[in-house]
Amino acid sequence: MLTIDQATVDAIIAHAKRDHPDEACGIVAGPEGSDRPERLIEMVNAAGSPTFYEFDSTELLALYKQMWANDEEPVVVYHSHTATEAYPSVTDIGLASEPGAHYVLVSTRDWAEAGGGNNQAPVEFRSYRIIDGEVTEEEVVVVPRLASV
């Protein structure tokens, strides 16, 4: 189960809409071993593609160095699908290299078909665990804010 705060969900969805028609991607870091998605980092889709995302290797290395220095790890790895449902593609499954992370997919398909912009058409927001190529959808619990630890 992924427990995530409303502001982070809203920011991920806004990023997906802003980057549409290209796929958006990013990471939500949290304290190591906590499973708490606390710090959103929007990344550049180096592929600049509506059907594929790729983290910029220089940007990703800098982020990992920063997370290591802060005793953080990637709690959520997210990206958007612009024309298909929010389900991991074969490529997505192959790229899933963080067995402890939640893989969030946002589909902007219905929103775009309704005209994009400021329309209130829904987007799909789903989370998965992807371990050794095995995809398991998990419940997403959105809370007003994460409880203090």
Foldseek 3Di string as FASTA:
>chain_A
DQEAAPVVVVVQVVQQLVLPPAKWWWFFKDAPPPLYRDRTDTFDQPVSHSADGDGDPVVVVVVVVVCVVVNMDGAEIEMEHEADAFDDDQVNLVPPDDQNHKYWYKYCNQCVVVPRDPDPGDIDIWIWGRDPSDTDTDDYHYDNHDDDD
